[in-house]
């Protein structure tokens, strides 16, 4: 870290300090209900003692870190940095859509759509790359469902397939 970084801080440092302190305060608020204190026994053997030491220590250092971030002048860029952190939530949403779609449309169609859609989202537009994404999805399904025999429920749409194809699709895709 350079001397300049010491003077102005790093972008996002204030946001991190606030989020960390909020997490510490939440944990501190849960100590009474999530840990126990028994009348008998030594202090250091109490089930609440060491979690309390850890959470109180985190809270104290969280406050000190926040004060240090507030003290820095001209740090700027905190909201921009927080926005960058929030961009990763997009991929959580993609994954949750995939998780909810797989039981409805089936593991194979959901995986193929997911891999091609993510390739498009990542900026790949050539036919070659989209085919590679689809083949990767197919490979994932074949490895997990067919080779490793991972038990993944078949999609609800499989019920509309003819009996012979339905059982094959449920077992392998």
Protein backbone atom coordinates (compact mmCIF):
# COMPACT_ATOMS: atom_id res chain seq x y z
CA UNK A 1 0.00 0.00 0.00
CA UNK A 2 1.46 3.33 -1.01
CA UNK A 3 1.62 6.50 1.06
CA UNK A 4 -1.08 7.95 -1.22
CA UNK A 5 -3.41 5.03 -0.36
CA UNK A 6 -2.80 5.75 3.33
CA UNK A 7 -4.03 9.31 2.85
CA UNK A 8 -7.12 8.71 0.73
CA UNK A 9 -8.12 5.12 1.43
CA UNK A 10 -9.25 2.56 -1.08
CA UNK A 11 -12.50 2.75 -3.01
CA UNK A 12 -15.15 0.71 -1.23
CA UNK A 13 -13.34 0.75 2.10
CA UNK A 14 -16.08 2.79 3.74
CA UNK A 15 -18.81 0.56 2.30
CA UNK A 16 -17.01 -2.56 3.51
CA UNK A 17 -16.51 -1.06 6.97
CA UNK A 18 -20.23 -0.20 7.27
CA UNK A 19 -21.34 -3.65 6.05
CA UNK A 20 -18.87 -5.40 8.35
CA UNK A 21 -20.02 -3.40 11.36
CA UNK A 22 -23.68 -4.10 10.54
CA UNK A 23 -22.93 -7.83 10.34
CA UNK A 24 -21.10 -7.64 13.69
CA UNK A 25 -23.99 -5.81 15.33
CA UNK A 26 -26.43 -8.40 14.01
CA UNK A 27 -24.32 -11.23 15.45
CA UNK A 28 -24.04 -9.33 18.71
CA UNK A 29 -27.83 -9.02 18.87
CA UNK A 30 -28.17 -12.80 18.46
CA UNK A 31 -25.80 -13.85 21.25
CA UNK A 32 -28.51 -14.01 23.91
CA UNK A 33 -30.84 -16.23 21.92
CA UNK A 34 -28.31 -18.40 20.10
CA UNK A 35 -25.94 -19.20 22.95
CA UNK A 36 -26.53 -20.36 26.51
CA UNK A 37 -25.21 -19.44 29.92
CA UNK A 38 -25.34 -22.02 32.67
CA UNK A 39 -25.17 -21.14 36.33
CA UNK A 40 -22.68 -23.90 37.03
CA UNK A 41 -19.27 -24.15 35.51
CA UNK A 42 -16.29 -21.92 35.03
CA UNK A 43 -16.49 -18.73 32.99
CA UNK A 44 -14.17 -19.99 30.26
CA UNK A 45 -16.23 -23.19 29.88
CA UNK A 46 -19.51 -21.34 29.34
CA UNK A 47 -21.06 -21.97 25.91
CA UNK A 48 -21.64 -18.23 25.48
CA UNK A 49 -18.19 -17.03 26.54
CA UNK A 50 -16.00 -17.63 23.47
CA UNK A 51 -18.61 -16.67 20.88
CA UNK A 52 -19.16 -13.45 22.86
CA UNK A 53 -15.42 -12.74 22.97
CA UNK A 54 -15.17 -13.24 19.22
CA UNK A 55 -18.21 -11.17 18.29
CA UNK A 56 -17.42 -8.35 20.72
CA UNK A 57 -13.84 -8.27 19.41
CA UNK A 58 -15.10 -8.15 15.82
CA UNK A 59 -17.49 -5.34 16.76
CA UNK A 60 -14.80 -3.27 18.48
CA UNK A 61 -12.42 -3.64 15.56
CA UNK A 62 -15.30 -2.99 13.15
CA UNK A 63 -16.00 0.33 14.88
CA UNK A 64 -12.30 1.23 14.80
CA UNK A 65 -12.09 0.34 11.12
CA UNK A 66 -15.18 2.42 10.33
CA UNK A 67 -13.76 5.38 12.26
CA UNK A 68 -10.52 5.03 10.32
CA UNK A 69 -12.41 5.04 7.02
CA UNK A 70 -14.49 8.08 8.00
CA UNK A 71 -11.31 9.91 9.04
CA UNK A 72 -9.82 9.51 5.56
CA UNK A 73 -10.44 12.49 3.31
CA UNK A 74 -11.11 12.44 -0.41
CA UNK A 75 -11.42 8.64 -0.67
CA UNK A 76 -14.32 8.90 -3.12
CA UNK A 77 -15.46 6.08 -5.32
CA UNK A 78 -17.27 4.28 -2.52
CA UNK A 79 -20.62 4.08 -4.28
CA UNK A 80 -18.95 3.04 -7.53
CA UNK A 81 -17.12 0.25 -5.71
CA UNK A 82 -20.31 -0.89 -3.96
CA UNK A 83 -22.00 -1.00 -7.37
CA UNK A 84 -19.24 -3.26 -8.65
CA UNK A 85 -19.77 -5.58 -5.69
CA UNK A 86 -23.50 -5.68 -6.35
CA UNK A 87 -22.92 -6.66 -9.98
CA UNK A 88 -22.01 -10.16 -8.79
CA UNK A 89 -25.58 -10.54 -7.52
CA UNK A 90 -26.64 -10.80 -11.17
CA UNK A 91 -25.01 -14.24 -11.37
CA UNK A 92 -26.82 -15.34 -8.23
CA UNK A 93 -30.08 -14.40 -9.96
CA UNK A 94 -29.05 -16.34 -13.10
CA UNK A 95 -28.32 -19.39 -10.97
CA UNK A 96 -31.60 -19.14 -9.05
CA UNK A 97 -33.56 -18.92 -12.31
CA UNK A 98 -31.71 -22.06 -13.45
CA UNK A 99 -32.45 -23.86 -10.17
CA UNK A 100 -36.16 -23.07 -10.43
CA UNK A 101 -36.34 -23.83 -14.17
CA UNK A 102 -34.67 -27.26 -14.06
CA UNK A 103 -37.54 -29.07 -12.25
CA UNK A 104 -40.04 -27.54 -14.65
CA UNK A 105 -38.38 -27.88 -18.06
CA UNK A 106 -35.87 -30.60 -17.18
CA UNK A 107 -32.19 -30.71 -16.35
CA UNK A 108 -30.95 -31.01 -19.94
CA UNK A 109 -33.02 -28.18 -21.47
CA UNK A 110 -32.38 -25.91 -18.47
CA UNK A 111 -28.63 -26.56 -18.62
CA UNK A 112 -28.45 -25.97 -22.37
CA UNK A 113 -30.44 -22.73 -22.13
CA UNK A 114 -28.40 -21.62 -19.11
CA UNK A 115 -24.98 -22.20 -20.69
CA UNK A 116 -25.92 -20.55 -23.99
CA UNK A 117 -27.62 -17.61 -22.21
CA UNK A 118 -24.57 -17.05 -20.00
CA UNK A 119 -22.30 -17.20 -23.03
CA UNK A 120 -24.44 -14.53 -24.67
CA UNK A 121 -24.40 -12.49 -21.45
CA UNK A 122 -20.61 -12.74 -21.33
CA UNK A 123 -20.47 -11.23 -24.81
CA UNK A 124 -19.86 -14.30 -26.96
CA UNK A 125 -21.85 -14.01 -30.17
CA UNK A 126 -20.14 -16.26 -32.68
CA UNK A 127 -21.85 -19.47 -33.71
CA UNK A 128 -18.72 -21.41 -32.74
CA UNK A 129 -18.76 -20.12 -29.15
CA UNK A 130 -22.50 -20.68 -28.71
CA UNK A 131 -22.17 -24.25 -29.97
CA UNK A 132 -19.23 -24.73 -27.57
CA UNK A 133 -21.41 -23.45 -24.71
CA UNK A 134 -24.22 -25.83 -25.66
CA UNK A 135 -21.80 -28.77 -25.93
CA UNK A 136 -20.37 -27.86 -22.52
CA UNK A 137 -23.90 -27.93 -21.08
CA UNK A 138 -24.57 -31.29 -22.73
CA UNK A 139 -21.27 -32.60 -21.35
CA UNK A 140 -22.18 -31.47 -17.84
CA UNK A 141 -25.54 -33.25 -18.05
CA UNK A 142 -24.00 -36.44 -19.44
CA UNK A 143 -21.31 -36.55 -16.77
CA UNK A 144 -23.59 -35.81 -13.82
CA UNK A 145 -26.76 -37.61 -14.83
CA UNK A 146 -25.53 -40.50 -16.97
CA UNK A 147 -21.98 -41.27 -15.82
CA UNK A 148 -22.12 -40.30 -12.14
CA UNK A 149 -25.81 -41.24 -11.74
CA UNK A 150 -26.56 -38.11 -9.74
CA UNK A 151 -30.24 -38.20 -8.80
CA UNK A 152 -31.73 -35.03 -10.26
CA UNK A 153 -35.52 -34.97 -10.57
CA UNK A 154 -36.90 -35.01 -14.11
CA UNK A 155 -38.66 -31.96 -15.45
CA UNK A 156 -42.42 -31.58 -15.25
CA UNK A 157 -42.57 -31.29 -19.05
CA UNK A 158 -41.22 -34.85 -19.29
CA UNK A 159 -44.69 -36.04 -18.25
CA UNK A 160 -45.96 -35.04 -21.70
CA UNK A 161 -43.47 -37.26 -23.53
CA UNK A 162 -44.39 -40.75 -24.77
CA UNK A 163 -43.78 -43.46 -22.10
CA UNK A 164 -40.61 -44.93 -23.65
CA UNK A 165 -38.98 -41.54 -24.23
CA UNK A 166 -40.15 -40.23 -20.83
CA UNK A 167 -38.42 -42.92 -18.77
CA UNK A 168 -35.24 -42.57 -20.88
CA UNK A 169 -35.30 -38.75 -20.46
CA UNK A 170 -35.90 -38.94 -16.71
CA UNK A 171 -33.08 -41.43 -16.19
CA UNK A 172 -30.49 -39.85 -18.48
CA UNK A 173 -31.40 -36.18 -18.88
